[in-house]
PDB file of N, CA and C in Angstrom:
ATOM      1  N   MET A   1     -25.066  42.957  -8.986  1.00  0.00           N
ATOM      2  CA  MET A   1     -24.469  42.274  -7.861  1.00  0.00           C
ATOM      3  C   MET A   1     -22.955  42.321  -8.007  1.00  0.00           C
ATOM      4  N   VAL A   2     -22.282  42.631  -6.915  1.00  0.00           N
ATOM      5  CA  VAL A   2     -20.834  42.740  -6.915  1.00  0.00           C
ATOM      6  C   VAL A   2     -20.232  41.415  -6.445  1.00  0.00           C
ATOM      7  N   PRO A   3     -19.299  40.853  -7.215  1.00  0.00           N
ATOM      8  CA  PRO A   3     -18.671  39.597  -6.791  1.00  0.00           C
ATOM      9  C   PRO A   3     -17.873  39.801  -5.503  1.00  0.00           C
ATOM     10  N   THR A   4     -17.833  38.778  -4.699  1.00  0.00           N
ATOM     11  CA  THR A   4     -17.081  38.818  -3.449  1.00  0.00           C
ATOM     12  C   THR A   4     -15.970  37.783  -3.514  1.00  0.00           C
ATOM     13  N   LEU A   5     -14.800  38.183  -3.125  1.00  0.00           N
ATOM     14  CA  LEU A   5     -13.653  37.285  -3.085  1.00  0.00           C
ATOM     15  C   LEU A   5     -13.326  37.017  -1.630  1.00  0.00           C
ATOM     16  N   GLU A   6     -13.233  35.749  -1.287  1.00  0.00           N
ATOM     17  CA  GLU A   6     -12.906  35.352   0.070  1.00  0.00           C
ATOM     18  C   GLU A   6     -11.636  34.532   0.048  1.00  0.00           C
ATOM     19  N   VAL A   7     -10.702  34.855   0.922  1.00  0.00           N
ATOM     20  CA  VAL A   7      -9.462  34.102   1.030  1.00  0.00           C
ATOM     21  C   VAL A   7      -9.572  33.233   2.274  1.00  0.00           C
ATOM     22  N   LEU A   8      -9.406  31.923   2.082  1.00  0.00           N
ATOM     23  CA  LEU A   8      -9.520  30.968   3.186  1.00  0.00           C
ATOM     24  C   LEU A   8      -8.222  30.201   3.355  1.00  0.00           C
ATOM     25  N   THR A   9      -7.867  29.948   4.600  1.00  0.00           N
ATOM     26  CA  THR A   9      -6.729  29.075   4.882  1.00  0.00           C
ATOM     27  C   THR A   9      -7.215  27.630   4.814  1.00  0.00           C
ATOM     28  N   ILE A  10      -6.293  26.700   4.765  1.00  0.00           N
ATOM     29  CA  ILE A  10      -6.677  25.283   4.726  1.00  0.00           C
ATOM     30  C   ILE A  10      -7.487  24.908   5.967  1.00  0.00           C
ATOM     31  N   PRO A  11      -7.082  25.334   7.182  1.00  0.00           N
ATOM     32  CA  PRO A  11      -7.914  25.013   8.353  1.00  0.00           C
ATOM     33  C   PRO A  11      -9.318  25.623   8.269  1.00  0.00           C
ATOM     34  N   GLU A  12      -9.430  26.810   7.696  1.00  0.00           N
ATOM     35  CA  GLU A  12     -10.755  27.431   7.543  1.00  0.00           C
ATOM     36  C   GLU A  12     -11.622  26.632   6.567  1.00  0.00           C
ATOM     37  N   ILE A  13     -11.010  26.115   5.521  1.00  0.00           N
ATOM     38  CA  ILE A  13     -11.749  25.280   4.569  1.00  0.00           C
ATOM     39  C   ILE A  13     -12.271  24.031   5.288  1.00  0.00           C
ATOM     40  N   SER A  14     -11.414  23.398   6.072  1.00  0.00           N
ATOM     41  CA  SER A  14     -11.823  22.194   6.815  1.00  0.00           C
ATOM     42  C   SER A  14     -12.959  22.502   7.778  1.00  0.00           C
ATOM     43  N   THR A  15     -12.880  23.641   8.434  1.00  0.00           N
ATOM     44  CA  THR A  15     -13.935  24.050   9.368  1.00  0.00           C
ATOM     45  C   THR A  15     -15.246  24.264   8.632  1.00  0.00           C
ATOM     46  N   ARG A  16     -15.182  24.935   7.496  1.00  0.00           N
ATOM     47  CA  ARG A  16     -16.405  25.180   6.711  1.00  0.00           C
ATOM     48  C   ARG A  16     -17.039  23.872   6.251  1.00  0.00           C
ATOM     49  N   ILE A  17     -16.203  22.927   5.818  1.00  0.00           N
ATOM     50  CA  ILE A  17     -16.712  21.621   5.380  1.00  0.00           C
ATOM     51  C   ILE A  17     -17.436  20.943   6.536  1.00  0.00           C
ATOM     52  N   ALA A  18     -16.813  20.943   7.709  1.00  0.00           N
ATOM     53  CA  ALA A  18     -17.426  20.307   8.882  1.00  0.00           C
ATOM     54  C   ALA A  18     -18.745  20.992   9.247  1.00  0.00           C
ATOM     55  N   GLU A  19     -18.785  22.315   9.172  1.00  0.00           N
ATOM     56  CA  GLU A  19     -20.008  23.056   9.490  1.00  0.00           C
ATOM     57  C   GLU A  19     -21.136  22.724   8.516  1.00  0.00           C
ATOM     58  N   LEU A  20     -20.811  22.662   7.240  1.00  0.00           N
ATOM     59  CA  LEU A  20     -21.827  22.357   6.234  1.00  0.00           C
ATOM     60  C   LEU A  20     -22.341  20.926   6.366  1.00  0.00           C
ATOM     61  N   GLU A  21     -21.423  19.985   6.624  1.00  0.00           N
ATOM     62  CA  GLU A  21     -21.854  18.604   6.808  1.00  0.00           C
ATOM     63  C   GLU A  21     -22.732  18.465   8.049  1.00  0.00           C
ATOM     64  N   ALA A  22     -22.406  19.198   9.108  1.00  0.00           N
ATOM     65  CA  ALA A  22     -23.235  19.170  10.320  1.00  0.00           C
ATOM     66  C   ALA A  22     -24.607  19.768  10.037  1.00  0.00           C
ATOM     67  N   ARG A  23     -24.630  20.861   9.297  1.00  0.00           N
ATOM     68  CA  ARG A  23     -25.905  21.500   8.936  1.00  0.00           C
ATOM     69  C   ARG A  23     -26.781  20.560   8.115  1.00  0.00           C
ATOM     70  N   ALA A  24     -26.158  19.812   7.226  1.00  0.00           N
ATOM     71  CA  ALA A  24     -26.901  18.886   6.362  1.00  0.00           C
ATOM     72  C   ALA A  24     -27.228  17.583   7.090  1.00  0.00           C
ATOM     73  N   GLY A  25     -26.463  17.287   8.126  1.00  0.00           N
ATOM     74  CA  GLY A  25     -26.643  16.021   8.821  1.00  0.00           C
ATOM     75  C   GLY A  25     -26.157  14.836   8.007  1.00  0.00           C
ATOM     76  N   ALA A  26     -25.230  15.106   7.097  1.00  0.00           N
ATOM     77  CA  ALA A  26     -24.713  14.053   6.209  1.00  0.00           C
ATOM     78  C   ALA A  26     -23.378  14.505   5.633  1.00  0.00           C
ATOM     79  N   SER A  27     -22.578  13.529   5.226  1.00  0.00           N
ATOM     80  CA  SER A  27     -21.301  13.830   4.575  1.00  0.00           C
ATOM     81  C   SER A  27     -21.551  14.194   3.112  1.00  0.00           C
ATOM     82  N   ALA A  28     -20.513  14.710   2.481  1.00  0.00           N
ATOM     83  CA  ALA A  28     -20.623  15.043   1.057  1.00  0.00           C
ATOM     84  C   ALA A  28     -20.946  13.795   0.236  1.00  0.00           C
ATOM     85  N   ASP A  29     -20.338  12.662   0.589  1.00  0.00           N
ATOM     86  CA  ASP A  29     -20.610  11.412  -0.134  1.00  0.00           C
ATOM     87  C   ASP A  29     -22.073  10.997   0.006  1.00  0.00           C
ATOM     88  N   GLN A  30     -22.605  11.119   1.216  1.00  0.00           N
ATOM     89  CA  GLN A  30     -24.012  10.773   1.432  1.00  0.00           C
ATOM     90  C   GLN A  30     -24.938  11.708   0.643  1.00  0.00           C
ATOM     91  N   LEU A  31     -24.590  12.990   0.626  1.00  0.00           N
ATOM     92  CA  LEU A  31     -25.395  13.946  -0.137  1.00  0.00           C
ATOM     93  C   LEU A  31     -25.340  13.636  -1.634  1.00  0.00           C
ATOM     94  N   ARG A  32     -24.147  13.245  -2.126  1.00  0.00           N
ATOM     95  CA  ARG A  32     -24.015  12.886  -3.538  1.00  0.00           C
ATOM     96  C   ARG A  32     -24.891  11.682  -3.882  1.00  0.00           C
ATOM     97  N   ARG A  33     -24.902  10.684  -3.001  1.00  0.00           N
ATOM     98  CA  ARG A  33     -25.748   9.507  -3.235  1.00  0.00           C
ATOM     99  C   ARG A  33     -27.220   9.890  -3.272  1.00  0.00           C
ATOM    100  N   ARG A  34     -27.619  10.762  -2.352  1.00  0.00           N
ATOM    101  CA  ARG A  34     -29.017  11.229  -2.355  1.00  0.00           C
ATOM    102  C   ARG A  34     -29.335  11.986  -3.645  1.00  0.00           C
ATOM    103  N   ALA A  35     -28.387  12.801  -4.087  1.00  0.00           N
ATOM    104  CA  ALA A  35     -28.584  13.562  -5.327  1.00  0.00           C
ATOM    105  C   ALA A  35     -28.725  12.615  -6.513  1.00  0.00           C
ATOM    106  N   ASP A  36     -27.924  11.560  -6.525  1.00  0.00           N
ATOM    107  CA  ASP A  36     -28.006  10.569  -7.607  1.00  0.00           C
ATOM    108  C   ASP A  36     -29.365   9.882  -7.646  1.00  0.00           C
ATOM    109  N   GLN A  37     -30.008   9.786  -6.488  1.00  0.00           N
ATOM    110  CA  GLN A  37     -31.324   9.149  -6.390  1.00  0.00           C
ATOM    111  C   GLN A  37     -32.466  10.169  -6.471  1.00  0.00           C
ATOM    112  N   TYR A  38     -32.131  11.435  -6.757  1.00  0.00           N
ATOM    113  CA  TYR A  38     -33.109  12.530  -6.814  1.00  0.00           C
ATOM    114  C   TYR A  38     -33.864  12.681  -5.494  1.00  0.00           C
ATOM    115  N   GLU A  39     -33.141  12.495  -4.377  1.00  0.00           N
ATOM    116  CA  GLU A  39     -33.738  12.574  -3.045  1.00  0.00           C
ATOM    117  C   GLU A  39     -33.209  13.757  -2.243  1.00  0.00           C
ATOM    118  N   LEU A  40     -32.605  14.717  -2.900  1.00  0.00           N
ATOM    119  CA  LEU A  40     -31.970  15.827  -2.203  1.00  0.00           C
ATOM    120  C   LEU A  40     -32.810  17.087  -2.339  1.00  0.00           C
ATOM    121  N   SER A  41     -33.069  17.754  -1.228  1.00  0.00           N
ATOM    122  CA  SER A  41     -33.840  19.004  -1.233  1.00  0.00           C
ATOM    123  C   SER A  41     -33.011  20.113  -1.888  1.00  0.00           C
ATOM    124  N   GLN A  42     -33.652  21.248  -2.128  1.00  0.00           N
ATOM    125  CA  GLN A  42     -32.920  22.376  -2.711  1.00  0.00           C
ATOM    126  C   GLN A  42     -31.817  22.844  -1.778  1.00  0.00           C
ATOM    127  N   GLU A  43     -32.112  22.865  -0.481  1.00  0.00           N
ATOM    128  CA  GLU A  43     -31.081  23.260   0.487  1.00  0.00           C
ATOM    129  C   GLU A  43     -29.926  22.261   0.466  1.00  0.00           C
ATOM    130  N   GLY A  44     -30.255  20.974   0.394  1.00  0.00           N
ATOM    131  CA  GLY A  44     -29.232  19.941   0.313  1.00  0.00           C
ATOM    132  C   GLY A  44     -28.377  20.096  -0.936  1.00  0.00           C
ATOM    133  N   GLN A  45     -28.996  20.444  -2.048  1.00  0.00           N
ATOM    134  CA  GLN A  45     -28.258  20.662  -3.294  1.00  0.00           C
ATOM    135  C   GLN A  45     -27.309  21.847  -3.165  1.00  0.00           C
ATOM    136  N   SER A  46     -27.787  22.892  -2.510  1.00  0.00           N
ATOM    137  CA  SER A  46     -26.952  24.076  -2.300  1.00  0.00           C
ATOM    138  C   SER A  46     -25.752  23.738  -1.424  1.00  0.00           C
ATOM    139  N   ILE A  47     -25.998  23.000  -0.352  1.00  0.00           N
ATOM    140  CA  ILE A  47     -24.910  22.593   0.540  1.00  0.00           C
ATOM    141  C   ILE A  47     -23.922  21.704  -0.205  1.00  0.00           C
ATOM    142  N   LEU A  48     -24.423  20.775  -1.001  1.00  0.00           N
ATOM    143  CA  LEU A  48     -23.538  19.883  -1.762  1.00  0.00           C
ATOM    144  C   LEU A  48     -22.655  20.676  -2.719  1.00  0.00           C
ATOM    145  N   ARG A  49     -23.209  21.662  -3.407  1.00  0.00           N
ATOM    146  CA  ARG A  49     -22.403  22.493  -4.317  1.00  0.00           C
ATOM    147  C   ARG A  49     -21.286  23.195  -3.545  1.00  0.00           C
ATOM    148  N   LYS A  50     -21.621  23.752  -2.378  1.00  0.00           N
ATOM    149  CA  LYS A  50     -20.605  24.430  -1.569  1.00  0.00           C
ATOM    150  C   LYS A  50     -19.542  23.447  -1.098  1.00  0.00           C
ATOM    151  N   LEU A  51     -19.968  22.264  -0.671  1.00  0.00           N
ATOM    152  CA  LEU A  51     -19.012  21.246  -0.229  1.00  0.00           C
ATOM    153  C   LEU A  51     -18.079  20.829  -1.362  1.00  0.00           C
ATOM    154  N   GLU A  52     -18.626  20.651  -2.547  1.00  0.00           N
ATOM    155  CA  GLU A  52     -17.792  20.265  -3.685  1.00  0.00           C
ATOM    156  C   GLU A  52     -16.785  21.355  -4.026  1.00  0.00           C
ATOM    157  N   ASP A  53     -17.213  22.621  -3.943  1.00  0.00           N
ATOM    158  CA  ASP A  53     -16.283  23.728  -4.184  1.00  0.00           C
ATOM    159  C   ASP A  53     -15.169  23.744  -3.139  1.00  0.00           C
ATOM    160  N   LEU A  54     -15.540  23.581  -1.873  1.00  0.00           N
ATOM    161  CA  LEU A  54     -14.545  23.587  -0.802  1.00  0.00           C
ATOM    162  C   LEU A  54     -13.606  22.395  -0.899  1.00  0.00           C
ATOM    163  N   ASN A  55     -14.140  21.230  -1.237  1.00  0.00           N
ATOM    164  CA  ASN A  55     -13.285  20.046  -1.407  1.00  0.00           C
ATOM    165  C   ASN A  55     -12.298  20.250  -2.545  1.00  0.00           C
ATOM    166  N   TYR A  56     -12.733  20.877  -3.625  1.00  0.00           N
ATOM    167  CA  TYR A  56     -11.842  21.173  -4.752  1.00  0.00           C
ATOM    168  C   TYR A  56     -10.703  22.091  -4.289  1.00  0.00           C
ATOM    169  N   LEU A  57     -11.075  23.140  -3.559  1.00  0.00           N
ATOM    170  CA  LEU A  57     -10.055  24.068  -3.066  1.00  0.00           C
ATOM    171  C   LEU A  57      -9.074  23.364  -2.134  1.00  0.00           C
ATOM    172  N   GLN A  58      -9.615  22.526  -1.265  1.00  0.00           N
ATOM    173  CA  GLN A  58      -8.772  21.810  -0.312  1.00  0.00           C
ATOM    174  C   GLN A  58      -7.793  20.877  -1.028  1.00  0.00           C
ATOM    175  N   GLU A  59      -8.261  20.183  -2.046  1.00  0.00           N
ATOM    176  CA  GLU A  59      -7.411  19.261  -2.792  1.00  0.00           C
ATOM    177  C   GLU A  59      -6.312  19.985  -3.565  1.00  0.00           C
ATOM    178  N   HIS A  60      -6.591  21.191  -4.027  1.00  0.00           N
ATOM    179  CA  HIS A  60      -5.642  21.905  -4.874  1.00  0.00           C
ATOM    180  C   HIS A  60      -4.888  23.019  -4.149  1.00  0.00           C
ATOM    181  N   ALA A  61      -5.101  23.166  -2.859  1.00  0.00           N
ATOM    182  CA  ALA A  61      -4.480  24.249  -2.101  1.00  0.00           C
ATOM    183  C   ALA A  61      -2.963  24.109  -1.996  1.00  0.00           C
ATOM    184  N   GLY A  62      -2.473  22.910  -1.963  1.00  0.00           N
ATOM    185  CA  GLY A  62      -1.034  22.699  -1.793  1.00  0.00           C
ATOM    186  C   GLY A  62      -0.231  22.783  -3.068  1.00  0.00           C
ATOM    187  N   ARG A  63      -0.884  23.016  -4.174  1.00  0.00           N
ATOM    188  CA  ARG A  63      -0.175  23.021  -5.467  1.00  0.00           C
ATOM    189  C   ARG A  63       0.458  24.336  -5.771  1.00  0.00           C
TER     190      ARG A  63
END
């Protein structure tokens, strides 16, 4: 498998976060709470991982 590098702008990161939260029907915080209670599906876990990655990028983009 060949790694893929994607370059995202800050607005694109925000858009992706909104799309993933809409797909999950919950915010990242709500998904984290569900994960803490072992109530998150595999798809939900995948979405949460992507959201956490995007949130990290968003927080550190201005540095």
